[in-house]
Amino acid sequence: MIYAYHRASGEIVAWVFGKRNTNTVRELWCKIKALGIKWGGLLMNNWKSFKRVFRVTNHLMGKAGTKGIEGNNCRLRHRIRRAFRQTCCFSKKMENHIKAFELAFYYINYGHI
């Protein structure tokens, strides 16, 4: 899963599920463009896929600005802890995992931490 996070509001604005490749990043970029979101800079890891797809963006790489996204990752792990268990007690269907993430994103975005 790759998602776009707005630092000021704490909202998860777009997300995609897929492999860590250019096609998945391109799908995320299309979702962001469809929402009409503008940005001045992009905090990211040093992935070649991100550099290819977001090449016209001001890239800020490094750990200095990733505090908020790491907090969101921790919150997601706690919200969907069943999805990360090694046992098969949650679900074997990918659709159920996606719906669980979407529900967690809803609660995060609308203040039901």
PDB file of N, CA and C in Angstrom:
ATOM      1  N   MET A   1       0.841  -1.166   0.000  1.00  0.00           N
ATOM      2  CA  MET A   1       0.000   0.000   0.000  1.00  0.00           C
ATOM      3  C   MET A   1       0.891   1.234   0.000  1.00  0.00           C
ATOM      4  N   ILE A   2       0.525   2.190  -0.830  1.00  0.00           N
ATOM      5  CA  ILE A   2       1.188   3.490  -0.876  1.00  0.00           C
ATOM      6  C   ILE A   2       0.099   4.535  -0.721  1.00  0.00           C
ATOM      7  N   TYR A   3       0.352   5.539   0.113  1.00  0.00           N
ATOM      8  CA  TYR A   3      -0.662   6.569   0.283  1.00  0.00           C
ATOM      9  C   TYR A   3      -0.048   7.953   0.358  1.00  0.00           C
ATOM     10  N   ALA A   4      -0.882   8.940   0.043  1.00  0.00           N
ATOM     11  CA  ALA A   4      -0.483  10.341   0.113  1.00  0.00           C
ATOM     12  C   ALA A   4      -1.107  10.949   1.358  1.00  0.00           C
ATOM     13  N   TYR A   5      -0.291  11.653   2.127  1.00  0.00           N
ATOM     14  CA  TYR A   5      -0.665  12.182   3.429  1.00  0.00           C
ATOM     15  C   TYR A   5      -0.474  13.693   3.419  1.00  0.00           C
ATOM     16  N   HIS A   6      -1.468  14.438   3.893  1.00  0.00           N
ATOM     17  CA  HIS A   6      -1.373  15.894   3.990  1.00  0.00           C
ATOM     18  C   HIS A   6      -0.867  16.240   5.381  1.00  0.00           C
ATOM     19  N   ARG A   7       0.319  16.849   5.466  1.00  0.00           N
ATOM     20  CA  ARG A   7       0.954  17.101   6.765  1.00  0.00           C
ATOM     21  C   ARG A   7       0.158  18.037   7.649  1.00  0.00           C
ATOM     22  N   ALA A   8      -0.403  19.091   7.090  1.00  0.00           N
ATOM     23  CA  ALA A   8      -1.078  20.098   7.914  1.00  0.00           C
ATOM     24  C   ALA A   8      -2.375  19.566   8.531  1.00  0.00           C
ATOM     25  N   SER A   9      -3.166  18.855   7.746  1.00  0.00           N
ATOM     26  CA  SER A   9      -4.463  18.392   8.236  1.00  0.00           C
ATOM     27  C   SER A   9      -4.417  16.989   8.828  1.00  0.00           C
ATOM     28  N   GLY A  10      -3.398  16.221   8.495  1.00  0.00           N
ATOM     29  CA  GLY A  10      -3.308  14.844   8.968  1.00  0.00           C
ATOM     30  C   GLY A  10      -4.173  13.887   8.171  1.00  0.00           C
ATOM     31  N   GLU A  11      -4.735  14.352   7.070  1.00  0.00           N
ATOM     32  CA  GLU A  11      -5.643  13.545   6.259  1.00  0.00           C
ATOM     33  C   GLU A  11      -4.876  12.671   5.269  1.00  0.00           C
ATOM     34  N   ILE A  12      -5.357  11.471   5.084  1.00  0.00           N
ATOM     35  CA  ILE A  12      -4.843  10.585   4.044  1.00  0.00           C
ATOM     36  C   ILE A  12      -5.702  10.852   2.818  1.00  0.00           C
ATOM     37  N   VAL A  13      -5.123  11.480   1.805  1.00  0.00           N
ATOM     38  CA  VAL A  13      -5.912  11.981   0.682  1.00  0.00           C
ATOM     39  C   VAL A  13      -6.093  10.972  -0.444  1.00  0.00           C
ATOM     40  N   ALA A  14      -5.141  10.081  -0.642  1.00  0.00           N
ATOM     41  CA  ALA A  14      -5.255   9.079  -1.710  1.00  0.00           C
ATOM     42  C   ALA A  14      -4.406   7.877  -1.348  1.00  0.00           C
ATOM     43  N   TRP A  15      -4.841   6.718  -1.802  1.00  0.00           N
ATOM     44  CA  TRP A  15      -4.098   5.490  -1.530  1.00  0.00           C
ATOM     45  C   TRP A  15      -4.323   4.493  -2.637  1.00  0.00           C
ATOM     46  N   VAL A  16      -3.332   3.621  -2.808  1.00  0.00           N
ATOM     47  CA  VAL A  16      -3.417   2.533  -3.778  1.00  0.00           C
ATOM     48  C   VAL A  16      -2.775   1.291  -3.175  1.00  0.00           C
ATOM     49  N   PHE A  17      -3.247   0.160  -3.636  1.00  0.00           N
ATOM     50  CA  PHE A  17      -2.679  -1.123  -3.230  1.00  0.00           C
ATOM     51  C   PHE A  17      -1.981  -1.725  -4.433  1.00  0.00           C
ATOM     52  N   GLY A  18      -0.795  -2.221  -4.229  1.00  0.00           N
ATOM     53  CA  GLY A  18      -0.063  -2.844  -5.320  1.00  0.00           C
ATOM     54  C   GLY A  18       1.380  -3.066  -4.941  1.00  0.00           C
ATOM     55  N   LYS A  19       2.159  -3.449  -5.923  1.00  0.00           N
ATOM     56  CA  LYS A  19       3.583  -3.696  -5.722  1.00  0.00           C
ATOM     57  C   LYS A  19       4.328  -2.374  -5.639  1.00  0.00           C
ATOM     58  N   ARG A  20       5.549  -2.430  -5.170  1.00  0.00           N
ATOM     59  CA  ARG A  20       6.383  -1.231  -5.070  1.00  0.00           C
ATOM     60  C   ARG A  20       7.062  -0.968  -6.407  1.00  0.00           C
ATOM     61  N   ASN A  21       6.251  -0.546  -7.388  1.00  0.00           N
ATOM     62  CA  ASN A  21       6.812  -0.301  -8.713  1.00  0.00           C
ATOM     63  C   ASN A  21       6.216   0.973  -9.310  1.00  0.00           C
ATOM     64  N   THR A  22       6.651   1.301 -10.503  1.00  0.00           N
ATOM     65  CA  THR A  22       6.235   2.541 -11.154  1.00  0.00           C
ATOM     66  C   THR A  22       4.751   2.548 -11.465  1.00  0.00           C
ATOM     67  N   ASN A  23       4.169   1.419 -11.834  1.00  0.00           N
ATOM     68  CA  ASN A  23       2.744   1.379 -12.151  1.00  0.00           C
ATOM     69  C   ASN A  23       1.881   1.746 -10.951  1.00  0.00           C
ATOM     70  N   THR A  24       2.243   1.282  -9.765  1.00  0.00           N
ATOM     71  CA  THR A  24       1.487   1.602  -8.562  1.00  0.00           C
ATOM     72  C   THR A  24       1.628   3.074  -8.217  1.00  0.00           C
ATOM     73  N   VAL A  25       2.834   3.621  -8.338  1.00  0.00           N
ATOM     74  CA  VAL A  25       3.050   5.040  -8.066  1.00  0.00           C
ATOM     75  C   VAL A  25       2.302   5.892  -9.086  1.00  0.00           C
ATOM     76  N   ARG A  26       2.277   5.467 -10.324  1.00  0.00           N
ATOM     77  CA  ARG A  26       1.543   6.195 -11.359  1.00  0.00           C
ATOM     78  C   ARG A  26       0.034   6.195 -11.056  1.00  0.00           C
ATOM     79  N   GLU A  27      -0.471   5.091 -10.539  1.00  0.00           N
ATOM     80  CA  GLU A  27      -1.883   5.004 -10.159  1.00  0.00           C
ATOM     81  C   GLU A  27      -2.183   5.983  -9.023  1.00  0.00           C
ATOM     82  N   LEU A  28      -1.271   6.098  -8.060  1.00  0.00           N
ATOM     83  CA  LEU A  28      -1.438   7.073  -6.979  1.00  0.00           C
ATOM     84  C   LEU A  28      -1.433   8.492  -7.531  1.00  0.00           C
ATOM     85  N   TRP A  29      -0.515   8.776  -8.449  1.00  0.00           N
ATOM     86  CA  TRP A  29      -0.425  10.101  -9.054  1.00  0.00           C
ATOM     87  C   TRP A  29      -1.724  10.450  -9.789  1.00  0.00           C
ATOM     88  N   CYS A  30      -2.302   9.489 -10.493  1.00  0.00           N
ATOM     89  CA  CYS A  30      -3.566   9.726 -11.205  1.00  0.00           C
ATOM     90  C   CYS A  30      -4.695  10.028 -10.231  1.00  0.00           C
ATOM     91  N   LYS A  31      -4.729   9.335  -9.096  1.00  0.00           N
ATOM     92  CA  LYS A  31      -5.758   9.618  -8.094  1.00  0.00           C
ATOM     93  C   LYS A  31      -5.601  11.016  -7.512  1.00  0.00           C
ATOM     94  N   ILE A  32      -4.370  11.422  -7.250  1.00  0.00           N
ATOM     95  CA  ILE A  32      -4.121  12.760  -6.712  1.00  0.00           C
ATOM     96  C   ILE A  32      -4.509  13.819  -7.725  1.00  0.00           C
ATOM     97  N   LYS A  33      -4.141  13.626  -8.975  1.00  0.00           N
ATOM     98  CA  LYS A  33      -4.503  14.577 -10.041  1.00  0.00           C
ATOM     99  C   LYS A  33      -6.012  14.659 -10.221  1.00  0.00           C
ATOM    100  N   ALA A  34      -6.715  13.524 -10.129  1.00  0.00           N
ATOM    101  CA  ALA A  34      -8.170  13.520 -10.279  1.00  0.00           C
ATOM    102  C   ALA A  34      -8.856  14.312  -9.163  1.00  0.00           C
ATOM    103  N   LEU A  35      -8.236  14.349  -7.989  1.00  0.00           N
ATOM    104  CA  LEU A  35      -8.789  15.119  -6.875  1.00  0.00           C
ATOM    105  C   LEU A  35      -8.472  16.606  -6.994  1.00  0.00           C
ATOM    106  N   GLY A  36      -7.567  16.962  -7.887  1.00  0.00           N
ATOM    107  CA  GLY A  36      -7.210  18.365  -8.089  1.00  0.00           C
ATOM    108  C   GLY A  36      -6.313  18.917  -6.992  1.00  0.00           C
ATOM    109  N   ILE A  37      -5.549  18.075  -6.358  1.00  0.00           N
ATOM    110  CA  ILE A  37      -4.682  18.492  -5.257  1.00  0.00           C
ATOM    111  C   ILE A  37      -3.405  19.099  -5.819  1.00  0.00           C
ATOM    112  N   LYS A  38      -3.025  20.255  -5.280  1.00  0.00           N
ATOM    113  CA  LYS A  38      -1.774  20.920  -5.665  1.00  0.00           C
ATOM    114  C   LYS A  38      -0.818  20.845  -4.479  1.00  0.00           C
ATOM    115  N   TRP A  39       0.473  20.761  -4.755  1.00  0.00           N
ATOM    116  CA  TRP A  39       1.446  20.718  -3.678  1.00  0.00           C
ATOM    117  C   TRP A  39       2.690  21.478  -4.077  1.00  0.00           C
ATOM    118  N   GLY A  40       3.391  21.965  -3.074  1.00  0.00           N
ATOM    119  CA  GLY A  40       4.620  22.691  -3.317  1.00  0.00           C
ATOM    120  C   GLY A  40       5.846  21.798  -3.227  1.00  0.00           C
ATOM    121  N   GLY A  41       5.741  20.734  -2.472  1.00  0.00           N
ATOM    122  CA  GLY A  41       6.855  19.814  -2.307  1.00  0.00           C
ATOM    123  C   GLY A  41       6.344  18.441  -1.950  1.00  0.00           C
ATOM    124  N   LEU A  42       7.186  17.482  -2.117  1.00  0.00           N
ATOM    125  CA  LEU A  42       6.819  16.101  -1.863  1.00  0.00           C
ATOM    126  C   LEU A  42       7.911  15.470  -1.012  1.00  0.00           C
ATOM    127  N   LEU A  43       7.535  15.018   0.177  1.00  0.00           N
ATOM    128  CA  LEU A  43       8.464  14.297   1.039  1.00  0.00           C
ATOM    129  C   LEU A  43       8.379  12.824   0.689  1.00  0.00           C
ATOM    130  N   MET A  44       9.509  12.219   0.420  1.00  0.00           N
ATOM    131  CA  MET A  44       9.479  10.823   0.021  1.00  0.00           C
ATOM    132  C   MET A  44      10.819  10.171   0.269  1.00  0.00           C
ATOM    133  N   ASN A  45      10.803   8.861   0.180  1.00  0.00           N
ATOM    134  CA  ASN A  45      12.051   8.101   0.213  1.00  0.00           C
ATOM    135  C   ASN A  45      12.699   8.193  -1.158  1.00  0.00           C
ATOM    136  N   ASN A  46      13.892   7.714  -1.263  1.00  0.00           N
ATOM    137  CA  ASN A  46      14.656   7.812  -2.506  1.00  0.00           C
ATOM    138  C   ASN A  46      14.317   6.659  -3.454  1.00  0.00           C
ATOM    139  N   TRP A  47      13.055   6.551  -3.844  1.00  0.00           N
ATOM    140  CA  TRP A  47      12.604   5.508  -4.766  1.00  0.00           C
ATOM    141  C   TRP A  47      12.719   6.013  -6.190  1.00  0.00           C
ATOM    142  N   LYS A  48      13.231   5.192  -7.069  1.00  0.00           N
ATOM    143  CA  LYS A  48      13.307   5.566  -8.489  1.00  0.00           C
ATOM    144  C   LYS A  48      11.908   5.726  -9.077  1.00  0.00           C
ATOM    145  N   SER A  49      10.959   4.920  -8.601  1.00  0.00           N
ATOM    146  CA  SER A  49       9.582   5.000  -9.109  1.00  0.00           C
ATOM    147  C   SER A  49       8.978   6.364  -8.826  1.00  0.00           C
ATOM    148  N   PHE A  50       9.182   6.903  -7.626  1.00  0.00           N
ATOM    149  CA  PHE A  50       8.655   8.219  -7.288  1.00  0.00           C
ATOM    150  C   PHE A  50       9.330   9.301  -8.117  1.00  0.00           C
ATOM    151  N   LYS A  51      10.628   9.182  -8.318  1.00  0.00           N
ATOM    152  CA  LYS A  51      11.339  10.180  -9.119  1.00  0.00           C
ATOM    153  C   LYS A  51      10.841  10.189 -10.554  1.00  0.00           C
ATOM    154  N   ARG A  52      10.519   9.030 -11.100  1.00  0.00           N
ATOM    155  CA  ARG A  52      10.022   8.954 -12.473  1.00  0.00           C
ATOM    156  C   ARG A  52       8.638   9.573 -12.608  1.00  0.00           C
ATOM    157  N   VAL A  53       7.748   9.229 -11.703  1.00  0.00           N
ATOM    158  CA  VAL A  53       6.354   9.649 -11.834  1.00  0.00           C
ATOM    159  C   VAL A  53       6.162  11.098 -11.408  1.00  0.00           C
ATOM    160  N   PHE A  54       6.763  11.512 -10.305  1.00  0.00           N
ATOM    161  CA  PHE A  54       6.612  12.872  -9.791  1.00  0.00           C
ATOM    162  C   PHE A  54       7.809  13.733 -10.176  1.00  0.00           C
ATOM    163  N   ARG A  55       8.241  13.670 -11.406  1.00  0.00           N
ATOM    164  CA  ARG A  55       9.471  14.342 -11.811  1.00  0.00           C
ATOM    165  C   ARG A  55       9.364  15.861 -11.859  1.00  0.00           C
ATOM    166  N   VAL A  56       8.173  16.435 -11.971  1.00  0.00           N
ATOM    167  CA  VAL A  56       8.042  17.893 -12.026  1.00  0.00           C
ATOM    168  C   VAL A  56       7.855  18.501 -10.641  1.00  0.00           C
ATOM    169  N   THR A  57       7.878  17.690  -9.627  1.00  0.00           N
ATOM    170  CA  THR A  57       7.626  18.136  -8.267  1.00  0.00           C
ATOM    171  C   THR A  57       8.930  18.443  -7.543  1.00  0.00           C
ATOM    172  N   ASN A  58       8.860  19.374  -6.607  1.00  0.00           N
ATOM    173  CA  ASN A  58       9.981  19.668  -5.732  1.00  0.00           C
ATOM    174  C   ASN A  58      10.127  18.509  -4.749  1.00  0.00           C
ATOM    175  N   HIS A  59      11.152  17.714  -4.905  1.00  0.00           N
ATOM    176  CA  HIS A  59      11.357  16.532  -4.068  1.00  0.00           C
ATOM    177  C   HIS A  59      12.188  16.894  -2.839  1.00  0.00           C
ATOM    178  N   LEU A  60      11.703  16.506  -1.700  1.00  0.00           N
ATOM    179  CA  LEU A  60      12.450  16.644  -0.451  1.00  0.00           C
ATOM    180  C   LEU A  60      12.662  15.239   0.082  1.00  0.00           C
ATOM    181  N   MET A  61      13.897  14.784   0.082  1.00  0.00           N
ATOM    182  CA  MET A  61      14.176  13.421   0.508  1.00  0.00           C
ATOM    183  C   MET A  61      14.870  13.426   1.856  1.00  0.00           C
ATOM    184  N   GLY A  62      14.597  12.395   2.615  1.00  0.00           N
ATOM    185  CA  GLY A  62      15.240  12.257   3.906  1.00  0.00           C
ATOM    186  C   GLY A  62      14.242  12.006   5.017  1.00  0.00           C
ATOM    187  N   LYS A  63      14.756  11.873   6.207  1.00  0.00           N
ATOM    188  CA  LYS A  63      13.935  11.526   7.361  1.00  0.00           C
ATOM    189  C   LYS A  63      13.421  12.739   8.120  1.00  0.00           C
ATOM    190  N   ALA A  64      13.870  13.944   7.782  1.00  0.00           N
ATOM    191  CA  ALA A  64      13.513  15.136   8.556  1.00  0.00           C
ATOM    192  C   ALA A  64      12.011  15.405   8.559  1.00  0.00           C
ATOM    193  N   GLY A  65      11.328  15.182   7.455  1.00  0.00           N
ATOM    194  CA  GLY A  65       9.910  15.505   7.375  1.00  0.00           C
ATOM    195  C   GLY A  65       8.980  14.317   7.448  1.00  0.00           C
ATOM    196  N   THR A  66       9.490  13.181   7.862  1.00  0.00           N
ATOM    197  CA  THR A  66       8.655  11.980   7.836  1.00  0.00           C
ATOM    198  C   THR A  66       8.039  11.632   9.184  1.00  0.00           C
ATOM    199  N   LYS A  67       8.114  12.538  10.149  1.00  0.00           N
ATOM    200  CA  LYS A  67       7.561  12.268  11.479  1.00  0.00           C
ATOM    201  C   LYS A  67       6.054  12.008  11.419  1.00  0.00           C
ATOM    202  N   GLY A  68       5.338  12.825  10.678  1.00  0.00           N
ATOM    203  CA  GLY A  68       3.890  12.674  10.579  1.00  0.00           C
ATOM    204  C   GLY A  68       3.470  11.383   9.909  1.00  0.00           C
ATOM    205  N   ILE A  69       4.151  11.025   8.845  1.00  0.00           N
ATOM    206  CA  ILE A  69       3.788   9.801   8.132  1.00  0.00           C
ATOM    207  C   ILE A  69       4.106   8.578   8.979  1.00  0.00           C
ATOM    208  N   GLU A  70       5.176   8.631   9.751  1.00  0.00           N
ATOM    209  CA  GLU A  70       5.492   7.504  10.639  1.00  0.00           C
ATOM    210  C   GLU A  70       4.435   7.373  11.732  1.00  0.00           C
ATOM    211  N   GLY A  71       3.909   8.502  12.210  1.00  0.00           N
ATOM    212  CA  GLY A  71       2.810   8.460  13.175  1.00  0.00           C
ATOM    213  C   GLY A  71       1.569   7.827  12.578  1.00  0.00           C
ATOM    214  N   ASN A  72       1.291   8.172  11.323  1.00  0.00           N
ATOM    215  CA  ASN A  72       0.153   7.554  10.638  1.00  0.00           C
ATOM    216  C   ASN A  72       0.368   6.063  10.434  1.00  0.00           C
ATOM    217  N   ASN A  73       1.577   5.672  10.077  1.00  0.00           N
ATOM    218  CA  ASN A  73       1.862   4.248   9.905  1.00  0.00           C
ATOM    219  C   ASN A  73       1.645   3.489  11.210  1.00  0.00           C
ATOM    220  N   CYS A  74       2.066   4.077  12.315  1.00  0.00           N
ATOM    221  CA  CYS A  74       1.871   3.447  13.619  1.00  0.00           C
ATOM    222  C   CYS A  74       0.379   3.343  13.940  1.00  0.00           C
ATOM    223  N   ARG A  75      -0.364   4.420  13.661  1.00  0.00           N
ATOM    224  CA  ARG A  75      -1.807   4.415  13.913  1.00  0.00           C
ATOM    225  C   ARG A  75      -2.497   3.348  13.065  1.00  0.00           C
ATOM    226  N   LEU A  76      -2.083   3.214  11.815  1.00  0.00           N
ATOM    227  CA  LEU A  76      -2.661   2.184  10.958  1.00  0.00           C
ATOM    228  C   LEU A  76      -2.353   0.782  11.475  1.00  0.00           C
ATOM    229  N   ARG A  77      -1.132   0.578  11.924  1.00  0.00           N
ATOM    230  CA  ARG A  77      -0.786  -0.738  12.468  1.00  0.00           C
ATOM    231  C   ARG A  77      -1.660  -1.080  13.668  1.00  0.00           C
ATOM    232  N   HIS A  78      -1.930  -0.098  14.507  1.00  0.00           N
ATOM    233  CA  HIS A  78      -2.776  -0.356  15.671  1.00  0.00           C
ATOM    234  C   HIS A  78      -4.232  -0.546  15.280  1.00  0.00           C
ATOM    235  N   ARG A  79      -4.703   0.227  14.313  1.00  0.00           N
ATOM    236  CA  ARG A  79      -6.095   0.126  13.862  1.00  0.00           C
ATOM    237  C   ARG A  79      -6.383  -1.207  13.199  1.00  0.00           C
ATOM    238  N   ILE A  80      -5.449  -1.668  12.401  1.00  0.00           N
ATOM    239  CA  ILE A  80      -5.693  -2.850  11.591  1.00  0.00           C
ATOM    240  C   ILE A  80      -4.749  -3.969  12.021  1.00  0.00           C
ATOM    241  N   ARG A  81      -4.554  -4.107  13.285  1.00  0.00           N
ATOM    242  CA  ARG A  81      -3.592  -5.089  13.773  1.00  0.00           C
ATOM    243  C   ARG A  81      -3.948  -6.508  13.354  1.00  0.00           C
ATOM    244  N   ARG A  82      -5.229  -6.770  13.176  1.00  0.00           N
ATOM    245  CA  ARG A  82      -5.607  -8.114  12.742  1.00  0.00           C
ATOM    246  C   ARG A  82      -5.100  -8.425  11.349  1.00  0.00           C
ATOM    247  N   ALA A  83      -4.973  -7.409  10.508  1.00  0.00           N
ATOM    248  CA  ALA A  83      -4.515  -7.627   9.136  1.00  0.00           C
ATOM    249  C   ALA A  83      -3.036  -8.008   9.082  1.00  0.00           C
ATOM    250  N   PHE A  84      -2.308  -7.669  10.133  1.00  0.00           N
ATOM    251  CA  PHE A  84      -0.875  -7.923  10.133  1.00  0.00           C
ATOM    252  C   PHE A  84      -0.480  -9.165  10.926  1.00  0.00           C
ATOM    253  N   ARG A  85      -1.438  -9.868  11.469  1.00  0.00           N
ATOM    254  CA  ARG A  85      -1.116 -11.095  12.207  1.00  0.00           C
ATOM    255  C   ARG A  85      -0.641 -12.168  11.248  1.00  0.00           C
ATOM    256  N   GLN A  86       0.176 -13.028  11.738  1.00  0.00           N
ATOM    257  CA  GLN A  86       0.700 -14.123  10.915  1.00  0.00           C
ATOM    258  C   GLN A  86      -0.308 -15.262  10.770  1.00  0.00           C
ATOM    259  N   THR A  87      -1.271 -15.330  11.666  1.00  0.00           N
ATOM    260  CA  THR A  87      -2.268 -16.388  11.571  1.00  0.00           C
ATOM    261  C   THR A  87      -3.324 -16.002  10.547  1.00  0.00           C
ATOM    262  N   CYS A  88      -4.137 -16.922  10.178  1.00  0.00           N
ATOM    263  CA  CYS A  88      -5.142 -16.668   9.147  1.00  0.00           C
ATOM    264  C   CYS A  88      -6.512 -16.370   9.780  1.00  0.00           C
ATOM    265  N   CYS A  89      -6.529 -15.656  10.886  1.00  0.00           N
ATOM    266  CA  CYS A  89      -7.791 -15.427  11.574  1.00  0.00           C
ATOM    267  C   CYS A  89      -8.542 -14.217  11.035  1.00  0.00           C
ATOM    268  N   PHE A  90      -7.932 -13.384  10.214  1.00  0.00           N
ATOM    269  CA  PHE A  90      -8.632 -12.201   9.713  1.00  0.00           C
ATOM    270  C   PHE A  90      -9.422 -12.533   8.456  1.00  0.00           C
ATOM    271  N   SER A  91      -8.774 -12.700   7.356  1.00  0.00           N
ATOM    272  CA  SER A  91      -9.444 -13.028   6.106  1.00  0.00           C
ATOM    273  C   SER A  91      -8.403 -13.395   5.066  1.00  0.00           C
ATOM    274  N   LYS A  92      -8.799 -14.228   4.144  1.00  0.00           N
ATOM    275  CA  LYS A  92      -7.913 -14.579   3.047  1.00  0.00           C
ATOM    276  C   LYS A  92      -8.250 -13.779   1.795  1.00  0.00           C
ATOM    277  N   LYS A  93      -9.345 -13.027   1.839  1.00  0.00           N
ATOM    278  CA  LYS A  93      -9.756 -12.243   0.675  1.00  0.00           C
ATOM    279  C   LYS A  93      -9.108 -10.864   0.713  1.00  0.00           C
ATOM    280  N   MET A  94      -8.486 -10.483  -0.383  1.00  0.00           N
ATOM    281  CA  MET A  94      -7.851  -9.171  -0.472  1.00  0.00           C
ATOM    282  C   MET A  94      -8.882  -8.055  -0.339  1.00  0.00           C
ATOM    283  N   GLU A  95     -10.089  -8.275  -0.852  1.00  0.00           N
ATOM    284  CA  GLU A  95     -11.137  -7.246  -0.773  1.00  0.00           C
ATOM    285  C   GLU A  95     -11.441  -6.884   0.678  1.00  0.00           C
ATOM    286  N   ASN A  96     -11.422  -7.866   1.571  1.00  0.00           N
ATOM    287  CA  ASN A  96     -11.691  -7.597   2.979  1.00  0.00           C
ATOM    288  C   ASN A  96     -10.570  -6.780   3.616  1.00  0.00           C
ATOM    289  N   HIS A  97      -9.342  -7.036   3.218  1.00  0.00           N
ATOM    290  CA  HIS A  97      -8.220  -6.249   3.722  1.00  0.00           C
ATOM    291  C   HIS A  97      -8.334  -4.802   3.238  1.00  0.00           C
ATOM    292  N   ILE A  98      -8.668  -4.622   1.974  1.00  0.00           N
ATOM    293  CA  ILE A  98      -8.808  -3.278   1.427  1.00  0.00           C
ATOM    294  C   ILE A  98      -9.920  -2.520   2.132  1.00  0.00           C
ATOM    295  N   LYS A  99     -11.049  -3.162   2.371  1.00  0.00           N
ATOM    296  CA  LYS A  99     -12.164  -2.511   3.084  1.00  0.00           C
ATOM    297  C   LYS A  99     -11.766  -2.143   4.510  1.00  0.00           C
ATOM    298  N   ALA A 100     -10.965  -2.981   5.166  1.00  0.00           N
ATOM    299  CA  ALA A 100     -10.503  -2.668   6.521  1.00  0.00           C
ATOM    300  C   ALA A 100      -9.623  -1.421   6.512  1.00  0.00           C
ATOM    301  N   PHE A 101      -8.733  -1.305   5.526  1.00  0.00           N
ATOM    302  CA  PHE A 101      -7.904  -0.107   5.412  1.00  0.00           C
ATOM    303  C   PHE A 101      -8.759   1.118   5.107  1.00  0.00           C
ATOM    304  N   GLU A 102      -9.714   0.994   4.196  1.00  0.00           N
ATOM    305  CA  GLU A 102     -10.578   2.128   3.863  1.00  0.00           C
ATOM    306  C   GLU A 102     -11.363   2.607   5.080  1.00  0.00           C
ATOM    307  N   LEU A 103     -11.819   1.688   5.894  1.00  0.00           N
ATOM    308  CA  LEU A 103     -12.523   2.060   7.115  1.00  0.00           C
ATOM    309  C   LEU A 103     -11.581   2.788   8.085  1.00  0.00           C
ATOM    310  N   ALA A 104     -10.370   2.298   8.216  1.00  0.00           N
ATOM    311  CA  ALA A 104      -9.390   2.971   9.078  1.00  0.00           C
ATOM    312  C   ALA A 104      -9.070   4.364   8.554  1.00  0.00           C
ATOM    313  N   PHE A 105      -8.928   4.516   7.233  1.00  0.00           N
ATOM    314  CA  PHE A 105      -8.672   5.831   6.650  1.00  0.00           C
ATOM    315  C   PHE A 105      -9.832   6.781   6.936  1.00  0.00           C
ATOM    316  N   TYR A 106     -11.051   6.293   6.857  1.00  0.00           N
ATOM    317  CA  TYR A 106     -12.229   7.116   7.155  1.00  0.00           C
ATOM    318  C   TYR A 106     -12.154   7.631   8.589  1.00  0.00           C
ATOM    319  N   TYR A 107     -11.865   6.742   9.518  1.00  0.00           N
ATOM    320  CA  TYR A 107     -11.797   7.142  10.922  1.00  0.00           C
ATOM    321  C   TYR A 107     -10.657   8.124  11.175  1.00  0.00           C
ATOM    322  N   ILE A 108      -9.516   7.925  10.526  1.00  0.00           N
ATOM    323  CA  ILE A 108      -8.393   8.853  10.674  1.00  0.00           C
ATOM    324  C   ILE A 108      -8.732  10.219  10.080  1.00  0.00           C
ATOM    325  N   ASN A 109      -9.316  10.239   8.888  1.00  0.00           N
ATOM    326  CA  ASN A 109      -9.599  11.493   8.199  1.00  0.00           C
ATOM    327  C   ASN A 109     -10.689  12.316   8.866  1.00  0.00           C
ATOM    328  N   TYR A 110     -11.637  11.682   9.527  1.00  0.00           N
ATOM    329  CA  TYR A 110     -12.756  12.421  10.105  1.00  0.00           C
ATOM    330  C   TYR A 110     -12.698  12.487  11.616  1.00  0.00           C
ATOM    331  N   GLY A 111     -11.500  12.342  12.185  1.00  0.00           N
ATOM    332  CA  GLY A 111     -11.270  12.636  13.578  1.00  0.00           C
ATOM    333  C   GLY A 111     -11.712  11.595  14.580  1.00  0.00           C
ATOM    334  N   HIS A 112     -11.919  10.383  14.165  1.00  0.00           N
ATOM    335  CA  HIS A 112     -12.304   9.330  15.090  1.00  0.00           C
ATOM    336  C   HIS A 112     -11.086   8.480  15.438  1.00  0.00           C
ATOM    337  N   ILE A 113     -10.029   9.125  15.832  1.00  0.00           N
ATOM    338  CA  ILE A 113      -8.742   8.478  16.079  1.00  0.00           C
ATOM    339  C   ILE A 113      -8.943   7.239  16.890  1.00  0.00           C
TER     340      ILE A 113
END
